[in-house]
Protein backbone atom coordinates (compact mmCIF):
# COMPACT_ATOMS: atom_id res chain seq x y z
CA MET A 1 78.28 80.95 67.80
CA ASN A 2 79.00 84.67 67.89
CA SER A 3 77.41 86.93 65.31
CA PRO A 4 79.79 88.80 62.97
CA GLY A 5 79.35 92.06 64.84
CA SER A 6 79.48 90.65 68.36
CA HIS A 7 83.23 91.22 68.70
CA ASP A 8 82.88 94.87 67.70
CA ILE A 9 80.02 95.33 70.16
CA ARG A 10 82.06 93.85 73.02
CA ALA A 11 85.00 96.05 72.08
CA LYS A 12 82.83 99.14 72.13
CA VAL A 13 81.33 98.18 75.50
CA THR A 14 84.83 97.65 76.93
CA GLU A 15 85.97 100.98 75.52
CA ALA A 16 82.96 102.73 77.05
CA LYS A 17 83.69 101.14 80.44
CA ASP A 18 87.32 102.23 80.27
CA GLU A 19 86.30 105.79 79.38
CA ALA A 20 83.82 105.88 82.26
CA ALA A 21 86.44 104.55 84.68
CA ASN A 22 88.93 107.13 83.47
CA LEU A 23 86.34 109.86 83.99
CA GLY A 24 85.70 108.60 87.50
CA PHE A 25 89.43 108.61 88.19
CA ARG A 26 89.81 112.19 86.95
CA ILE A 27 86.84 113.36 89.02
CA GLY A 28 88.31 111.64 92.06
CA GLU A 29 91.63 113.39 91.49
CA GLN A 30 89.90 116.77 91.26
CA VAL A 31 87.93 116.16 94.45
CA HIS A 32 91.10 115.12 96.27
CA GLU A 33 92.99 118.21 95.10
CA TRP A 34 90.09 120.44 96.20
CA ARG A 35 90.06 118.86 99.66
CA ALA A 36 93.85 119.05 99.95
CA SER A 37 93.83 122.71 98.88
CA ARG A 38 91.19 123.54 101.49
CA ALA A 39 93.24 121.73 104.14
CA ARG A 40 96.38 123.68 103.24
CA ASN A 41 94.56 127.01 103.12
CA SER A 42 92.97 126.39 106.52
CA GLY A 43 96.37 125.65 108.05
CA ALA A 44 95.74 121.95 108.64
CA GLU A 45 98.78 120.34 110.21
CA PRO A 46 100.49 117.52 108.31
CA VAL A 47 101.08 114.22 110.06
CA VAL A 48 102.76 110.91 109.25
CA VAL A 49 100.95 107.69 110.20
CA PRO A 50 103.64 104.96 110.17
CA SER A 51 103.37 101.19 109.96
CA VAL A 52 105.80 98.56 111.16
CA GLY A 53 108.34 97.83 108.45
CA TYR A 54 110.50 94.81 107.74
CA GLY A 55 113.70 93.91 106.00
CA ALA A 56 116.78 91.72 105.86
CA PRO A 57 120.48 92.47 106.21
CA GLY A 58 121.20 95.07 103.51
CA TRP A 59 117.71 96.56 103.04
CA VAL A 60 114.48 97.65 104.72
CA ARG A 61 110.95 98.28 103.51
CA ILE A 62 109.42 101.41 105.05
CA ILE A 63 105.63 101.92 104.97
CA ALA A 64 103.66 104.97 106.14
CA ARG A 65 101.02 107.48 105.03
CA ALA A 66 101.17 111.29 105.02
CA LEU A 67 97.92 113.08 105.86
CA TYR A 68 96.49 116.42 106.88
CA LYS A 69 95.15 116.56 110.44
CA THR A 70 91.49 117.44 110.14
CA ALA A 71 89.36 117.90 113.27
CA LEU A 72 87.95 114.38 112.87
CA PHE A 73 91.39 112.90 112.32
CA ASP A 74 92.68 114.72 115.40
CA ASP A 75 90.20 112.69 117.44
CA LEU A 76 91.52 109.51 115.85
CA LEU A 77 95.10 110.38 116.81
CA GLU A 78 94.10 111.13 120.40
CA PHE A 79 92.20 107.85 120.61
CA ASP A 80 95.33 106.12 119.31
CA THR A 81 97.35 107.45 122.27
CA PRO A 82 97.92 104.98 125.16
CA GLY A 83 95.74 105.82 128.15
CA SER A 84 93.34 107.94 126.09
CA LYS A 85 89.82 108.19 127.49
CA LYS A 86 88.30 108.98 124.12
CA GLU A 87 85.21 107.02 123.14
CA PRO A 88 85.74 104.27 120.53
CA ILE A 89 85.81 105.67 117.01
CA ARG A 90 83.18 104.90 114.38
CA GLY A 91 84.67 103.24 111.31
CA TRP A 92 83.67 105.95 108.84
CA ARG A 93 85.88 108.50 110.56
CA SER A 94 88.98 106.66 109.36
CA PHE A 95 87.95 107.59 105.83
CA THR A 96 87.78 111.35 106.46
CA SER A 97 91.55 111.83 106.28
CA ILE A 98 93.10 113.82 103.43
CA ALA A 99 96.23 112.35 101.85
CA ILE A 100 99.30 114.49 101.07
CA SER A 101 100.32 113.55 97.54
CA ASN A 102 103.98 113.49 96.48
CA ALA A 103 105.20 114.70 99.88
CA ASP A 104 108.86 114.56 100.86
CA VAL A 105 109.26 112.32 103.90
CA PHE A 106 112.41 112.51 106.03
CA VAL A 107 113.25 109.09 107.44
CA GLU A 108 115.93 108.27 110.01
CA ILE A 109 117.02 104.73 110.93
CA GLU A 110 119.85 104.24 113.42
CA GLY A 111 121.39 107.60 112.48
CA GLN A 112 121.03 107.05 108.74
CA GLN A 113 118.88 109.68 107.03
CA TYR A 114 116.85 109.38 103.84
CA THR A 115 114.49 111.63 101.89
CA VAL A 116 111.76 109.74 100.06
CA GLN A 117 108.39 110.62 98.57
CA THR A 118 104.77 109.52 98.98
CA ASP A 119 102.62 108.53 96.02
CA ARG A 120 99.50 110.37 94.90
CA GLY A 121 97.50 108.61 97.65
CA GLY A 122 99.88 109.81 100.34
CA VAL A 123 101.33 106.31 100.77
CA LEU A 124 105.03 105.83 101.41
CA ASP A 125 106.20 102.35 100.44
CA VAL A 126 109.91 102.29 99.69
CA ARG A 127 112.84 99.93 99.91
CA LEU A 128 115.99 101.51 101.30
CA GLN A 129 119.52 100.19 101.26
CA THR A 130 120.94 99.93 104.77
CA ASP A 131 122.98 97.50 106.81
CA LEU A 132 121.15 96.77 110.04
CA ALA A 133 121.66 93.84 112.35
CA PRO A 134 118.79 91.33 112.71
CA GLY A 135 116.14 92.40 115.23
CA VAL A 136 113.94 95.40 115.92
CA HIS A 137 115.16 98.92 115.12
CA ASP A 138 113.58 102.30 115.79
CA VAL A 139 112.52 104.46 112.87
CA THR A 140 111.48 108.12 112.88
CA MET A 141 109.86 109.99 110.04
CA ARG A 142 108.28 113.35 109.36
CA VAL A 143 107.12 115.64 106.59
CA GLU A 144 107.73 119.38 106.43
CA GLY A 145 105.86 121.02 109.30
CA SER A 146 104.85 117.79 111.07
CA GLU A 147 105.86 116.29 114.38
CA VAL A 148 108.19 113.29 114.36
CA ALA A 149 106.40 109.94 114.05
CA HIS A 150 107.88 106.80 115.56
CA THR A 151 107.69 103.20 114.42
CA THR A 152 109.95 100.16 114.13
CA VAL A 153 111.37 97.92 111.46
CA PHE A 154 112.06 94.22 111.96
CA ILE A 155 115.17 92.85 110.26
CA VAL A 156 114.60 89.15 109.72
CA PRO A 157 117.62 86.99 110.62
CA PRO A 158 119.08 85.11 107.63
CA GLU A 159 118.65 81.80 109.45
CA GLN A 160 114.90 82.34 109.98
CA LYS A 161 113.06 80.02 107.58
CA ILE A 162 109.41 80.27 108.73
CA GLY A 163 107.17 83.31 108.23
CA VAL A 164 103.46 84.04 108.49
CA ILE A 165 101.16 85.75 105.97
CA SER A 166 97.59 86.23 107.13
CA ASP A 167 94.45 87.67 105.63
CA ILE A 168 92.45 89.96 107.96
CA ASP A 169 88.75 90.07 107.06
CA ASP A 170 86.97 86.94 108.35
CA THR A 171 90.35 85.39 109.16
CA VAL A 172 91.55 87.30 112.23
CA MET A 173 88.55 89.63 112.49
CA VAL A 174 84.91 88.72 111.92
CA THR A 175 83.70 91.33 109.45
CA ALA A 176 80.97 89.35 107.67
CA LEU A 177 82.56 90.50 104.43
CA PRO A 178 80.47 88.14 102.26
CA ARG A 179 77.34 90.06 103.29
CA PRO A 180 77.81 93.46 101.64
CA MET A 181 75.42 95.51 103.75
CA LEU A 182 76.70 94.09 107.02
CA ALA A 183 80.28 94.49 105.82
CA ALA A 184 79.59 98.17 105.13
CA TRP A 185 78.05 98.52 108.59
CA ASN A 186 81.12 96.91 110.20
CA SER A 187 83.56 99.04 108.20
CA PHE A 188 81.91 102.45 108.33
CA VAL A 189 79.46 102.54 111.27
CA LEU A 190 80.35 100.03 113.97
CA ASN A 191 82.94 101.22 116.48
CA GLU A 192 86.08 99.15 116.56
CA HIS A 193 85.56 97.79 120.10
CA ALA A 194 82.44 96.05 118.80
CA ARG A 195 84.37 94.10 116.17
CA THR A 196 84.84 90.44 117.03
CA PRO A 197 88.08 88.44 116.77
CA THR A 198 87.76 85.15 114.93
CA PRO A 199 87.56 82.30 117.49
CA GLY A 200 90.95 80.91 118.42
CA MET A 201 92.94 82.75 115.76
CA SER A 202 94.84 85.04 118.14
CA VAL A 203 95.85 81.95 120.16
CA LEU A 204 96.99 80.27 116.95
CA MET A 205 99.10 83.29 115.99
CA ASP A 206 100.57 83.48 119.49
CA ARG A 207 101.50 79.80 119.40
CA ILE A 208 103.22 80.26 116.05
CA HIS A 209 105.04 83.32 117.40
CA ARG A 210 106.21 81.39 120.48
CA ALA A 211 107.43 78.49 118.34
CA HIS A 212 109.14 80.85 115.86
CA PRO A 213 109.94 84.06 117.78
CA GLN A 214 111.95 85.53 114.88
CA ALA A 215 109.28 84.85 112.27
CA PRO A 216 108.00 87.89 110.34
CA PHE A 217 104.22 88.40 110.45
CA MET A 218 102.54 89.97 107.42
CA TYR A 219 98.89 91.01 107.55
CA LEU A 220 97.81 91.02 103.91
CA SER A 221 94.42 92.53 103.13
CA THR A 222 92.44 94.29 100.41
CA GLY A 223 91.47 96.85 103.08
CA ALA A 224 92.32 100.52 102.60
CA TRP A 225 95.35 102.23 104.17
CA ASN A 226 92.86 104.45 106.04
CA ILE A 227 92.13 101.69 108.54
CA THR A 228 95.77 101.11 109.58
CA PRO A 229 95.44 102.73 113.05
CA ALA A 230 92.21 100.83 113.77
CA LEU A 231 93.75 97.53 112.67
CA ARG A 232 96.82 98.13 114.80
CA ARG A 233 94.67 98.79 117.86
CA PHE A 234 92.46 95.76 117.17
CA LEU A 235 95.38 93.35 116.82
CA SER A 236 97.09 94.72 119.93
CA ARG A 237 93.88 94.61 122.00
CA ASN A 238 93.26 90.99 120.99
CA ALA A 239 96.85 89.81 121.56
CA TYR A 240 97.85 89.20 117.94
CA PRO A 241 101.59 89.40 117.21
CA SER A 242 102.87 92.69 115.88
CA GLY A 243 103.51 92.71 112.17
CA THR A 244 103.49 94.61 108.90
CA PHE A 245 100.24 95.68 107.23
CA LEU A 246 100.15 95.20 103.48
CA LEU A 247 97.03 97.15 102.50
CA THR A 248 95.97 99.05 99.40
CA ASP A 249 94.19 102.15 98.11
CA TRP A 250 90.50 102.32 97.38
CA GLY A 251 88.86 104.16 94.56
CA PRO A 252 89.08 104.20 90.75
CA THR A 253 92.21 103.87 88.63
CA PRO A 254 92.68 105.27 85.10
CA ASP A 255 91.23 102.03 83.64
CA ARG A 256 89.06 100.52 86.39
CA TRP A 257 86.24 101.70 88.65
CA PHE A 258 87.55 99.48 91.44
CA ARG A 259 91.03 98.23 92.19
CA SER A 260 91.64 94.49 92.02
CA GLY A 261 92.03 93.10 95.53
CA SER A 262 93.19 89.76 94.15
CA ALA A 263 95.90 91.43 92.06
CA HIS A 264 97.10 93.31 95.14
CA LYS A 265 97.46 90.09 97.13
CA VAL A 266 99.18 88.23 94.29
CA THR A 267 101.65 91.09 93.78
CA GLN A 268 102.53 91.26 97.47
CA LEU A 269 102.99 87.49 97.73
CA GLN A 270 105.30 87.47 94.73
CA ARG A 271 107.30 90.31 96.21
CA LEU A 272 107.76 88.45 99.51
CA ALA A 273 108.85 85.31 97.67
CA LYS A 274 111.55 87.29 95.88
CA GLU A 275 112.63 89.20 98.98
CA PHE A 276 112.91 86.03 101.09
CA PRO A 277 113.77 83.22 98.64
CA ASP A 278 114.61 80.77 101.45
CA MET A 279 111.52 81.50 103.56
CA LYS A 280 108.67 79.03 103.93
CA TRP A 281 105.41 80.84 104.67
CA ILE A 282 102.42 79.72 106.67
CA LEU A 283 99.59 81.19 104.60
CA ILE A 284 96.38 81.88 106.54
CA GLY A 285 93.06 82.88 104.96
CA ASP A 286 89.42 81.92 104.55
CA ASP A 287 87.29 80.38 101.83
CA GLY A 288 84.83 83.26 101.65
CA GLN A 289 86.38 84.95 98.64
CA ARG A 290 89.62 84.43 96.68
CA ASP A 291 92.17 83.23 99.26
CA PRO A 292 92.06 79.55 98.16
CA ASP A 293 92.76 80.47 94.53
CA ILE A 294 95.42 83.03 95.43
CA TYR A 295 97.27 80.78 97.88
CA ASN A 296 96.99 77.85 95.51
CA GLY A 297 98.54 79.89 92.72
CA PHE A 298 101.36 80.94 95.02
CA ALA A 299 101.98 77.32 96.07
CA VAL A 300 102.08 76.15 92.45
CA ARG A 301 104.48 78.90 91.42
CA TYR A 302 106.63 78.91 94.58
CA PRO A 303 106.28 75.41 96.13
CA GLU A 304 109.60 75.81 97.97
CA ASN A 305 108.19 78.86 99.80
CA VAL A 306 105.12 77.26 101.39
CA ALA A 307 105.15 75.58 104.81
CA ALA A 308 101.36 75.27 105.15
CA ILE A 309 98.10 76.74 103.84
CA LEU A 310 95.45 77.26 106.52
CA ILE A 311 91.96 78.00 105.17
CA ARG A 312 89.23 78.92 107.64
CA ASN A 313 85.90 77.49 106.47
CA LEU A 314 83.00 79.91 106.37
CA THR A 315 79.47 78.59 106.54
CA LEU A 316 77.83 77.34 103.36
CA GLY A 317 75.61 80.42 103.22
CA GLU A 318 78.55 82.79 103.63
CA SER A 319 80.53 81.02 100.90
CA VAL A 320 77.69 81.20 98.40
CA LEU A 321 77.09 84.88 99.14
CA ALA A 322 80.79 85.65 98.96
CA SER A 323 81.72 83.98 95.70
CA GLY A 324 78.59 82.55 94.12
CA ARG A 325 79.87 79.00 94.44
CA VAL A 326 80.83 76.40 97.02
CA TRP A 327 84.41 75.30 97.59
CA GLY A 328 83.29 71.69 97.99
CA ASP A 329 85.04 70.59 94.79
CA LYS A 330 88.44 71.15 96.47
CA ARG A 331 90.02 72.11 93.15
CA ALA A 332 92.70 74.19 94.80
CA GLN A 333 93.49 71.45 97.31
CA GLN A 334 93.90 68.88 94.54
CA ILE A 335 96.52 71.00 92.79
CA THR A 336 98.61 71.62 95.88
CA THR A 337 99.96 68.75 97.93
CA GLY A 338 97.42 67.48 100.44
CA GLU A 339 99.82 67.77 103.37
CA LEU A 340 100.20 71.51 102.86
CA TRP A 341 96.46 72.23 102.64
CA LYS A 342 94.58 72.41 105.96
CA GLU A 343 90.99 73.48 106.56
CA ALA A 344 89.16 74.13 109.84
CA ASN A 345 86.61 76.45 111.46
CA ASP A 346 88.74 77.83 114.29
CA GLY A 347 92.27 78.41 115.51
CA ALA A 348 92.30 75.58 118.04
CA THR A 349 91.91 72.97 115.29
CA PHE A 350 94.65 74.61 113.25
CA ILE A 351 96.98 74.40 116.25
CA GLU A 352 96.57 70.63 116.35
CA MET A 353 97.12 70.41 112.62
CA LEU A 354 100.34 72.42 112.81
CA LYS A 355 101.55 70.23 115.67
CA GLU A 356 101.03 67.16 113.51
CA ALA A 357 102.95 68.87 110.70
CA GLY A 358 105.87 69.63 113.05
CA LEU A 359 105.44 73.39 112.75
CA LEU A 360 104.54 73.94 116.42
């Protein structure tokens, strides 16, 4: 039983946490503005780092990030160039970039021109009205004073009814995320050529792509936008299908010290369900953190939009370290239909499961 003053104490603690988070947010904003001002005053060149977009007849979603080219980031861009002989880049260097807040971005798609704006983190994530035929279309974009950046957008055919949404950490790439110190080492210190693809998952993705060549691929992660170039190179080098990255910002918000990765994933899944109401998604993740809960919630809310849920099993030790509990109770599996829910340790087993389900 709570004491009479316990509610007031909790309220005061919550208020203190909110004030501290808000202070952290304001300090972060000041640091960012100081770095951005230094970059401008030193003549740092602006650059747009684009991602692959997607859409349907009538609209497209364009995703990119506007940054200042620092000396360290210049190395990253050169390494990102085909045929570059640059040494592999340490992970921490991806986090040295300086975002251009509220920048006007000039976008051109098949002769149609748009002017849109980045958010305070330099991220451009906009939906534009356009009438493009299904398939891949070239997109160019730039900010004032930058070179033109090139990417593509994939317009999903109306008749396409299967899509893929995949987590990244410990699903397509072994990052040892449940072990915080090793995760930090992998993210900030280890060079990207040393990162290991999850056994059999690239083959699984390729088989799905071959069976459904017009299927959109969405790589949904709580990772920061900073790592977009490294992720693109990793997926290409390990023969994963091209797709759209749905990442997020790091750092404090006005009311939280850390952004909610789960909320980010839930929001993106809901958006995709609304954008493609007739699409059935193959949801791929792992049981190391919140994917089972998140995918289960999506399946309960949008059962008509789920073709299969593939959960890669981490070891018992990894699961306990990741979430403080074991997924042995199968609560999420009991709520969703058993035929949708599939668990395995590697991509090869998932391939057989999808064959049995008629999806390959």
